[in-house]
Structures are given as structure tokens and as C-alpha cells.
């Protein structure tokens, strides 16, 4: 119920709504969230090419979501591999250059932190 009708929790606790009624609404909300139209809309946001293939009839919605999941997992795998390669290459290159750059290298630094990216201007 928390996932699909969190707004009703307080009403159930206060006794303004019965648990059975809240549960029924939560099941209804879950069914709506899982409907084909909602899934297709979400797929269109995440991967328009796959959504187009579903609309054209060359791929089922279930198949599209399976492919989307595979693509996301492959992207994660490739990022991990690239990060490992860079972690192996950057320190020796910085040391070979003879600068103090290596001393400042932190492979655990958050690349999304704007303060950790060098300024180019």
C-alpha cells in the first residue's frame, strides 16, 4: 500500500478510511501504473526507439522492456570497464609526467561534483 497509495496511510491510521478500502485503491493504482499505456509512455521517455518499435508492431511491450533492461545493464558494465581502465592508466601516466598531478589523483572522487572537475578557462 505504501508504494501505490502512500497518500492514504494517514487516513487509515486516523480511522477516516478502512484498510480494505485503502488496499482496494492501492491495487487499482498499481493496475493503472502497470497498464500498457503507462508502460509505453514511460518507455517513450526512456528509450524512444524501442517505443517506436512497439508501435510499429516489430517488438512486444514486454520484449521492449527486456531489451531496455539489457541495454541499461550493458551500459553499466561498459562504464565499470572504462572506469577500471582509466584507474589503471591515469596513475602511471601522471607519475611518468613528473608532476604533482598524481598526488592529487583520487579515483573515488565523484565525477558529477562540479568542484572536482578542472576548469578550462
Foldseek 3Di string as FASTA:
>chain_A
DCVQQVVCPVCCVVVVDPPVVSVVNSVVSVCVCPDPVNLLVVCCVVPVVLSVCCVVVVAPSVRSVVVSVVVVVVVVVVVVVVLVVCVVPVLVVVVVVVDCVNVVDDSPDDPVPPVPDDDPD
